[in-house]
Amino acid sequence: MEAPPFDKSLGMQYYATDTCPAGGRIKERVEDFVVEEILKDGTVVSVNGVALTPRVGNWTWIHVVKRGVDTLKFVLRLAKALGVNPRDISIGGIKDTRAVTSQIVSVRGTVSSLPQIPGVEFLGMWPMDRPITPAEIYGNRFTIVVRGVDRADCAAEALAALAKTPIPNYYGYQRFGTVRPVGHLLGLALLKKDAEAFFDVMFCKIFPRESEAAKRARELACRGEYAKALEAFPKRFLEERAFLRKLVEGADLWNAAMAIPGQILKIYIEAAQSYVFNLFLSRRMELAPLEPVEGDLVDVGGQVAYYVEGLAGDLVLPVPGAGVKMPRGRVGEALVRVVKDLGLDPALFLKMPRGLRAYGSYRRARLDVGQLEYKVAGGEVEIRMTLPRGSYATVVLREVVKPVDPAAHGF
């Protein structure tokens, strides 16, 4: 079933289900979206606590429950409170901000006491012989409430279908934004070294749900009134202000763009890679069901190989970048056309400055939902499920809600 224009603009061109839209809103309260980390041995880091076996070593694992707290800002605040470098703190994954999230955070060395941080509870602490990393994480367990559902029958029908339907493992809305979905466009402009396009997306693309202050500042910048725009942008707009500051100083567009902090520019590049992957996946859905066919790539025990009849493995598609191979045959031809239509060349991913080189990877084509349970009562739907690391709960929820304007539904 074809998706609405907003989803198509992010490369998510299809739904796996053809059920009617249920509507409703997610994340009306932080308690409506509970995320609990699952370690690779199956241990659930529950919001109610977890028992871990300590090991002698130079790391401390800390059980953290956050309510409405941004993960990266929390890491910076914890590092400052403990007097350590942020690089000495590691996590297994970034969790949703508007949510109750339970995860393990590790700190190099011994931690004797923990600070008080609003919205944060520390429920346990253990010495360990290694840091927590994404490799230590299987995935996440979600408990989600969708409120204000318009059609409970549509929700029930969609959830029943999801229990037996292969779901495309798209990168979800969070990767791109819903109020201002331009990260991938900025990334494509960077890869092409098109400073004019980067400027146009940053300042001349204005969306209805942006604040009035942001709209006015972008209009000023788009007209070339850089000093006035810099003054008009609220301080939280770090990348826009960094860009404008350099323009006010007389820098050209490319060097002004390079003044944006490197970690933000990297996020743009990654958003572009995610967008191209979503397009790849949409094209692959047009060709055949999400089961391997000749020419496809499959993951066999951690090794990626070309599929031949009888070979067991999970269907994967490339996340574009240096060092990845493309499928063969008609699948490969379709994906190469996607890259060419976007004006991308594989060499561009290695020609980026300032540590922005983009290396490719492989991502499973199907989203494997585990332990799916749901309850539909009145205008509310409660969903419990587990997802592998890197998969998005919103990709499952979009199949139920089917939003035309995701931001209006809390996405």
Protein backbone atom coordinates (compact mmCIF):
# COMPACT_ATOMS: atom_id res chain seq x y z
CA MET A 1 0.00 0.00 0.00
CA GLU A 2 1.42 3.40 -1.00
CA ALA A 3 2.41 5.75 1.79
CA PRO A 4 1.41 9.45 1.95
CA PRO A 5 3.69 12.20 0.55
CA PHE A 6 5.44 12.94 3.85
CA ASP A 7 6.65 9.36 4.23
CA LYS A 8 7.64 9.20 0.57
CA SER A 9 9.81 12.29 1.07
CA LEU A 10 11.83 10.21 3.56
CA GLY A 11 12.11 7.21 1.25
CA MET A 12 9.39 5.22 3.06
CA GLN A 13 7.23 4.77 0.01
CA TYR A 14 5.08 1.87 1.18
CA TYR A 15 3.21 0.30 4.05
CA ALA A 16 3.42 -3.44 4.58
CA THR A 17 -0.25 -3.50 5.56
CA ASP A 18 -3.30 -2.28 3.63
CA THR A 19 -5.50 -1.63 6.66
CA CYS A 20 -7.42 1.58 7.27
CA PRO A 21 -5.79 4.39 9.33
CA ALA A 22 -6.46 4.06 13.07
CA GLY A 23 -5.28 7.58 13.89
CA GLY A 24 -4.38 8.50 17.45
CA ARG A 25 -1.39 10.09 19.16
CA ILE A 26 1.76 8.62 20.64
CA LYS A 27 3.85 10.13 23.47
CA GLU A 28 1.07 12.34 24.87
CA ARG A 29 2.72 11.59 28.23
CA VAL A 30 6.26 10.39 28.78
CA GLU A 31 4.83 7.27 30.46
CA ASP A 32 3.09 6.38 27.18
CA PHE A 33 6.41 5.31 25.64
CA VAL A 34 8.53 2.99 27.81
CA VAL A 35 11.81 1.66 26.44
CA GLU A 36 13.76 -1.02 28.31
CA GLU A 37 17.13 -2.16 27.03
CA ILE A 38 17.73 -5.88 26.40
CA LEU A 39 21.29 -7.13 26.79
CA LYS A 40 22.69 -9.64 24.31
CA ASP A 41 22.20 -12.49 26.83
CA GLY A 42 18.47 -11.67 27.00
CA THR A 43 18.55 -9.77 30.31
CA VAL A 44 15.93 -7.02 30.34
CA VAL A 45 17.07 -3.78 31.98
CA SER A 46 13.65 -3.19 33.53
CA VAL A 47 12.41 0.13 34.84
CA ASN A 48 11.86 -1.74 38.12
CA GLY A 49 15.49 -2.84 38.43
CA VAL A 50 17.89 -5.47 37.13
CA ALA A 51 20.33 -7.92 38.76
CA LEU A 52 23.75 -8.10 37.13
CA THR A 53 26.81 -10.12 38.09
CA PRO A 54 29.75 -7.83 38.86
CA ARG A 55 33.20 -8.51 37.40
CA VAL A 56 36.56 -7.20 38.53
CA GLY A 57 37.66 -4.47 36.15
CA ASN A 58 38.16 -0.79 35.46
CA TRP A 59 34.59 0.08 34.48
CA THR A 60 31.40 0.84 36.39
CA TRP A 61 28.03 -0.09 34.93
CA ILE A 62 25.12 2.07 36.11
CA HIS A 63 21.41 1.33 35.68
CA VAL A 64 19.76 4.58 34.62
CA VAL A 65 16.03 5.32 34.25
CA LYS A 66 15.30 8.62 32.51
CA ARG A 67 11.96 10.41 32.17
CA GLY A 68 11.82 12.96 29.37
CA VAL A 69 15.61 13.36 29.29
CA ASP A 70 17.77 13.50 26.16
CA THR A 71 20.40 10.73 26.25
CA LEU A 72 23.36 12.73 24.94
CA LYS A 73 22.63 15.74 27.16
CA PHE A 74 22.41 13.34 30.11
CA VAL A 75 25.83 11.87 29.27
CA LEU A 76 27.38 15.35 29.16
CA ARG A 77 25.78 16.32 32.46
CA LEU A 78 26.86 13.08 34.14
CA ALA A 79 30.43 13.54 32.89
CA LYS A 80 30.55 17.07 34.29
CA ALA A 81 29.11 15.94 37.65
CA LEU A 82 31.61 13.07 37.96
CA GLY A 83 34.53 15.16 36.74
CA VAL A 84 35.37 12.83 33.83
CA ASN A 85 35.75 13.28 30.10
CA PRO A 86 32.53 12.50 28.19
CA ARG A 87 34.59 10.01 26.17
CA ASP A 88 34.98 7.99 29.39
CA ILE A 89 31.22 7.36 29.42
CA SER A 90 29.70 4.86 27.01
CA ILE A 91 26.18 3.72 26.18
CA GLY A 92 24.64 0.91 24.19
CA GLY A 93 22.28 3.18 22.30
CA ILE A 94 20.50 6.53 22.20
CA LYS A 95 16.95 6.29 23.54
CA ASP A 96 13.88 8.40 22.81
CA THR A 97 13.73 11.69 24.71
CA ARG A 98 9.97 11.94 25.26
CA ALA A 99 9.78 8.58 26.97
CA VAL A 100 10.62 6.60 30.08
CA THR A 101 13.84 4.80 29.21
CA SER A 102 15.84 2.21 31.13
CA GLN A 103 19.40 1.41 30.11
CA ILE A 104 22.95 0.70 31.22
CA VAL A 105 25.54 3.47 31.14
CA SER A 106 29.20 2.71 31.82
CA VAL A 107 31.88 4.96 33.27
CA ARG A 108 35.62 4.31 33.13
CA GLY A 109 37.03 3.78 36.61
CA THR A 110 35.37 3.56 40.01
CA VAL A 111 32.30 5.66 40.82
CA SER A 112 31.82 6.30 44.54
CA SER A 113 28.66 8.45 44.42
CA LEU A 114 26.15 9.61 41.85
CA PRO A 115 24.73 13.11 41.36
CA GLN A 116 21.11 14.20 41.49
CA ILE A 117 19.86 14.99 37.98
CA PRO A 118 16.26 16.05 37.33
CA GLY A 119 14.28 13.34 35.58
CA VAL A 120 16.93 10.68 36.27
CA GLU A 121 16.99 7.74 38.68
CA PHE A 122 20.04 5.56 39.35
CA LEU A 123 18.85 2.07 40.33
CA GLY A 124 22.08 0.08 40.52
CA MET A 125 25.83 0.14 40.08
CA TRP A 126 28.33 -2.70 39.41
CA PRO A 127 32.07 -2.96 38.76
CA MET A 128 32.74 -4.46 35.32
CA ASP A 129 35.67 -5.54 33.16
CA ARG A 130 34.50 -3.77 29.98
CA PRO A 131 32.34 -0.83 28.86
CA ILE A 132 28.77 -1.13 27.68
CA THR A 133 28.72 -0.79 23.86
CA PRO A 134 26.17 -1.42 21.12
CA ALA A 135 27.70 -4.89 20.72
CA GLU A 136 26.46 -5.72 24.26
CA ILE A 137 22.84 -4.90 23.32
CA TYR A 138 20.31 -7.17 21.62
CA GLY A 139 17.59 -4.55 21.36
CA ASN A 140 14.77 -2.95 23.31
CA ARG A 141 11.45 -3.87 24.86
CA PHE A 142 8.70 -1.33 24.23
CA THR A 143 5.46 -0.66 26.08
CA ILE A 144 3.51 1.95 24.13
CA VAL A 145 0.11 3.58 24.57
CA VAL A 146 -1.60 5.20 21.59
CA ARG A 147 -4.32 7.60 22.77
CA GLY A 148 -7.26 9.19 20.98
CA VAL A 149 -7.54 6.42 18.39
CA ASP A 150 -10.21 7.27 15.78
CA ARG A 151 -10.85 3.72 14.57
CA ALA A 152 -10.23 0.94 17.09
CA ASP A 153 -11.26 -1.64 14.50
CA CYS A 154 -8.53 -0.40 12.14
CA ALA A 155 -5.95 -0.62 14.93
CA ALA A 156 -6.95 -4.19 15.76
CA GLU A 157 -6.88 -5.18 12.10
CA ALA A 158 -3.43 -3.63 11.54
CA LEU A 159 -1.91 -5.26 14.64
CA ALA A 160 -3.32 -8.65 13.67
CA ALA A 161 -1.79 -8.21 10.19
CA LEU A 162 1.59 -7.15 11.64
CA ALA A 163 1.82 -10.41 13.57
CA LYS A 164 2.12 -12.28 10.25
CA THR A 165 3.37 -9.68 7.75
CA PRO A 166 7.03 -8.94 6.91
CA ILE A 167 7.60 -5.31 7.91
CA PRO A 168 10.17 -3.21 6.00
CA ASN A 169 13.03 -2.25 8.32
CA TYR A 170 12.96 1.43 7.37
CA TYR A 171 14.87 4.11 9.24
CA GLY A 172 12.09 5.87 11.13
CA TYR A 173 10.92 9.46 11.40
CA GLN A 174 13.35 10.25 14.25
CA ARG A 175 16.26 9.90 11.83
CA PHE A 176 14.98 12.82 9.76
CA GLY A 177 12.64 14.89 11.96
CA THR A 178 8.94 15.55 11.56
CA VAL A 179 8.67 19.29 12.27
CA ARG A 180 11.61 20.07 9.99
CA PRO A 181 12.53 16.96 7.95
CA VAL A 182 15.64 18.20 6.12
CA GLY A 183 18.62 16.38 7.66
CA HIS A 184 18.93 14.02 4.69
CA LEU A 185 18.70 16.92 2.21
CA LEU A 186 21.52 18.72 4.02
CA GLY A 187 23.53 15.50 3.95
CA LEU A 188 23.02 15.04 0.21
CA ALA A 189 24.14 18.63 -0.38
CA LEU A 190 27.27 18.02 1.71
CA LEU A 191 28.12 14.84 -0.18
CA LYS A 192 27.83 16.72 -3.48
CA LYS A 193 29.75 19.69 -2.03
CA ASP A 194 26.86 21.89 -3.17
CA ALA A 195 27.11 24.82 -0.77
CA GLU A 196 24.29 26.74 -2.46
CA ALA A 197 21.89 23.82 -2.05
CA PHE A 198 23.00 23.42 1.59
CA PHE A 199 22.27 27.11 2.25
CA ASP A 200 18.90 26.89 0.48
CA VAL A 201 17.78 23.88 2.55
CA MET A 202 19.07 25.37 5.80
CA PHE A 203 17.43 28.76 5.45
CA CYS A 204 14.98 28.92 2.54
CA LYS A 205 12.99 25.76 3.30
CA ILE A 206 10.47 26.80 5.96
CA PHE A 207 7.85 24.46 7.43
CA PRO A 208 4.45 25.28 8.95
CA ARG A 209 5.15 23.72 12.36
CA GLU A 210 8.33 25.71 13.00
CA SER A 211 8.20 28.46 15.61
CA GLU A 212 7.45 31.97 14.43
CA ALA A 213 10.90 33.10 15.62
CA ALA A 214 12.60 30.40 13.52
CA LYS A 215 10.48 31.22 10.46
CA ARG A 216 11.35 34.92 10.69
CA ALA A 217 15.06 34.21 11.16
CA ARG A 218 15.15 31.86 8.17
CA GLU A 219 13.40 34.42 5.99
CA LEU A 220 16.02 37.03 6.93
CA ALA A 221 18.88 34.64 6.18
CA CYS A 222 17.35 33.55 2.88
CA ARG A 223 17.20 37.23 1.83
CA GLY A 224 20.89 37.59 2.65
CA GLU A 225 20.40 39.64 5.84
CA TYR A 226 22.84 37.48 7.77
CA ALA A 227 23.51 39.76 10.75
CA LYS A 228 19.81 40.31 11.39
CA ALA A 229 19.14 36.59 11.03
CA LEU A 230 21.92 35.75 13.50
CA GLU A 231 20.36 38.10 16.01
CA ALA A 232 16.88 36.69 15.39
CA PHE A 233 17.73 32.99 15.82
CA PRO A 234 17.24 31.76 19.41
CA LYS A 235 20.45 30.41 20.96
CA ARG A 236 19.29 26.78 20.76
CA PHE A 237 19.72 26.87 16.96
CA LEU A 238 23.40 26.00 17.17
CA GLU A 239 24.04 24.98 13.58
CA GLU A 240 22.20 27.91 12.00
CA ARG A 241 24.01 30.39 14.24
CA ALA A 242 27.42 28.84 13.55
CA PHE A 243 26.76 29.04 9.81
CA LEU A 244 25.54 32.66 9.96
CA ARG A 245 28.36 33.80 12.21
CA LYS A 246 30.89 32.81 9.56
CA LEU A 247 28.85 34.45 6.81
CA VAL A 248 28.77 37.69 8.80
CA GLU A 249 32.57 37.46 9.06
CA GLY A 250 32.80 37.22 5.26
CA ALA A 251 33.38 33.49 4.74
CA ASP A 252 32.08 31.81 1.59
CA LEU A 253 29.13 29.42 1.79
CA TRP A 254 31.18 26.20 1.93
CA ASN A 255 33.55 27.37 4.67
CA ALA A 256 30.60 28.78 6.62
CA ALA A 257 28.89 25.39 6.44
CA MET A 258 32.09 23.74 7.67
CA ALA A 259 31.88 25.93 10.80
CA ILE A 260 28.92 23.84 11.96
CA PRO A 261 30.12 21.37 14.65
CA GLY A 262 31.45 18.20 13.07
CA GLN A 263 29.16 15.89 15.03
CA ILE A 264 26.12 17.71 13.59
CA LEU A 265 27.48 17.54 10.03
CA LYS A 266 28.03 13.82 10.56
CA ILE A 267 24.37 13.43 11.56
CA TYR A 268 23.37 15.04 8.25
CA ILE A 269 25.56 12.60 6.31
CA GLU A 270 24.07 9.66 8.23
CA ALA A 271 20.55 10.96 7.53
CA ALA A 272 21.39 11.00 3.81
CA GLN A 273 22.65 7.40 4.04
CA SER A 274 19.42 6.43 5.84
CA TYR A 275 17.30 8.11 3.19
CA VAL A 276 19.06 6.25 0.38
CA PHE A 277 18.65 2.97 2.29
CA ASN A 278 14.92 3.65 2.64
CA LEU A 279 14.72 4.23 -1.12
CA PHE A 280 16.66 0.99 -1.72
CA LEU A 281 14.21 -0.89 0.49
CA SER A 282 11.20 0.63 -1.25
CA ARG A 283 12.60 -0.38 -4.65
CA ARG A 284 13.32 -3.88 -3.37
CA MET A 285 9.70 -4.19 -2.17
CA GLU A 286 8.54 -3.39 -5.70
CA LEU A 287 10.56 -6.26 -7.15
CA ALA A 288 9.63 -9.16 -4.88
CA PRO A 289 8.55 -10.09 -1.35
CA LEU A 290 11.21 -9.55 1.31
CA GLU A 291 12.68 -13.03 0.90
CA PRO A 292 16.07 -13.55 -0.80
CA VAL A 293 16.13 -13.98 -4.56
CA GLU A 294 19.09 -14.48 -6.89
CA GLY A 295 21.38 -11.45 -6.81
CA ASP A 296 20.34 -10.37 -3.30
CA LEU A 297 22.76 -9.98 -0.43
CA VAL A 298 22.26 -12.11 2.68
CA ASP A 299 23.84 -12.08 6.12
CA VAL A 300 25.07 -15.56 6.98
CA GLY A 301 26.44 -15.66 10.53
CA GLY A 302 27.76 -12.11 10.30
CA GLN A 303 29.22 -12.51 6.81
CA VAL A 304 27.52 -10.88 3.81
CA ALA A 305 27.32 -13.04 0.67
CA TYR A 306 25.41 -13.20 -2.59
CA TYR A 307 22.35 -15.38 -2.32
CA VAL A 308 22.16 -18.70 -4.14
CA GLU A 309 19.36 -21.20 -3.86
CA GLY A 310 19.59 -23.16 -0.64
CA LEU A 311 21.75 -20.61 1.19
CA ALA A 312 20.26 -19.71 4.57
CA GLY A 313 20.59 -16.13 5.71
CA ASP A 314 18.80 -12.83 6.36
CA LEU A 315 18.10 -10.53 3.43
CA VAL A 316 20.17 -7.34 3.76
CA LEU A 317 20.56 -4.19 1.72
CA PRO A 318 23.52 -1.81 1.67
CA VAL A 319 23.56 1.41 3.65
CA PRO A 320 25.50 3.38 1.02
CA GLY A 321 29.05 4.46 1.67
CA ALA A 322 32.60 3.37 1.14
CA GLY A 323 33.39 -0.32 1.39
CA VAL A 324 30.03 -1.96 0.63
CA LYS A 325 29.04 -4.11 -2.30
CA MET A 326 25.79 -3.83 -4.21
CA PRO A 327 23.36 -6.63 -5.03
CA ARG A 328 23.57 -8.19 -8.49
CA GLY A 329 21.05 -8.77 -11.26
CA ARG A 330 17.78 -6.85 -11.43
CA VAL A 331 17.97 -5.91 -7.74
CA GLY A 332 21.42 -4.39 -8.22
CA GLU A 333 20.31 -2.56 -11.36
CA ALA A 334 17.34 -1.04 -9.53
CA LEU A 335 19.51 0.19 -6.65
CA VAL A 336 22.17 1.62 -8.95
CA ARG A 337 19.43 3.63 -10.66
CA VAL A 338 18.43 5.09 -7.27
CA VAL A 339 21.99 6.31 -6.68
CA LYS A 340 22.30 7.75 -10.18
CA ASP A 341 18.93 9.51 -9.96
CA LEU A 342 20.15 11.24 -6.80
CA GLY A 343 23.34 12.35 -8.54
CA LEU A 344 25.53 10.43 -6.12
CA ASP A 345 28.82 8.74 -6.87
CA PRO A 346 30.25 6.14 -4.46
CA ALA A 347 33.54 8.07 -4.49
CA LEU A 348 31.81 11.08 -2.91
CA PHE A 349 31.50 9.27 0.41
CA LEU A 350 35.31 9.20 0.78
CA LYS A 351 35.92 12.76 -0.39
CA MET A 352 34.43 14.47 2.66
CA PRO A 353 36.61 16.66 4.91
CA ARG A 354 37.01 16.88 8.69
CA GLY A 355 36.40 13.26 9.55
CA LEU A 356 33.10 13.22 7.66
CA ARG A 357 34.00 10.30 5.43
CA ALA A 358 31.03 7.98 5.20
CA TYR A 359 31.56 4.25 5.36
CA GLY A 360 28.79 1.92 4.35
CA SER A 361 27.25 -1.04 6.14
CA TYR A 362 24.45 -3.55 5.72
CA ARG A 363 21.02 -3.51 7.29
CA ARG A 364 18.38 -6.20 7.42
CA ALA A 365 15.50 -5.63 5.06
CA ARG A 366 12.88 -7.06 7.42
CA LEU A 367 12.01 -5.74 10.84
CA ASP A 368 11.62 -8.68 13.19
CA VAL A 369 9.02 -7.92 15.85
CA GLY A 370 9.24 -10.20 18.88
CA GLN A 371 6.73 -10.93 21.64
CA LEU A 372 4.05 -8.74 20.09
CA GLU A 373 1.10 -8.26 22.43
CA TYR A 374 -1.62 -5.66 22.20
CA LYS A 375 -4.86 -4.54 23.78
CA VAL A 376 -7.46 -2.36 22.10
CA ALA A 377 -9.97 -0.76 24.45
CA GLY A 378 -12.11 2.23 23.56
CA GLY A 379 -9.91 4.96 22.16
CA GLU A 380 -6.65 3.52 23.45
CA VAL A 381 -4.25 0.88 22.18
CA GLU A 382 -1.49 -0.62 24.32
CA ILE A 383 1.33 -2.40 22.49
CA ARG A 384 4.18 -4.47 23.92
CA MET A 385 6.96 -5.76 21.70
CA THR A 386 10.70 -6.32 21.42
CA LEU A 387 12.79 -5.04 18.54
CA PRO A 388 16.42 -5.67 17.59
CA ARG A 389 18.94 -2.87 18.12
CA GLY A 390 18.74 -0.27 15.37
CA SER A 391 15.10 -0.91 14.49
CA TYR A 392 12.45 1.75 15.09
CA ALA A 393 9.23 1.29 17.03
CA THR A 394 7.75 4.16 15.02
CA VAL A 395 8.08 2.05 11.86
CA VAL A 396 5.68 -0.44 13.47
CA LEU A 397 3.39 2.29 14.82
CA ARG A 398 3.09 4.03 11.44
CA GLU A 399 1.49 0.85 10.10
CA VAL A 400 -1.25 1.22 12.72
CA VAL A 401 -1.76 4.99 12.83
CA LYS A 402 -1.00 5.62 9.11
CA PRO A 403 -0.37 9.35 9.68
CA VAL A 404 -0.55 11.90 6.87
CA ASP A 405 1.11 14.50 9.13
CA PRO A 406 3.29 12.48 11.56
CA ALA A 407 4.02 15.43 13.86
CA ALA A 408 0.29 15.88 14.49
CA HIS A 409 0.20 12.32 15.82
CA GLY A 410 3.18 12.70 18.15
CA PHE A 411 5.79 11.10 15.88
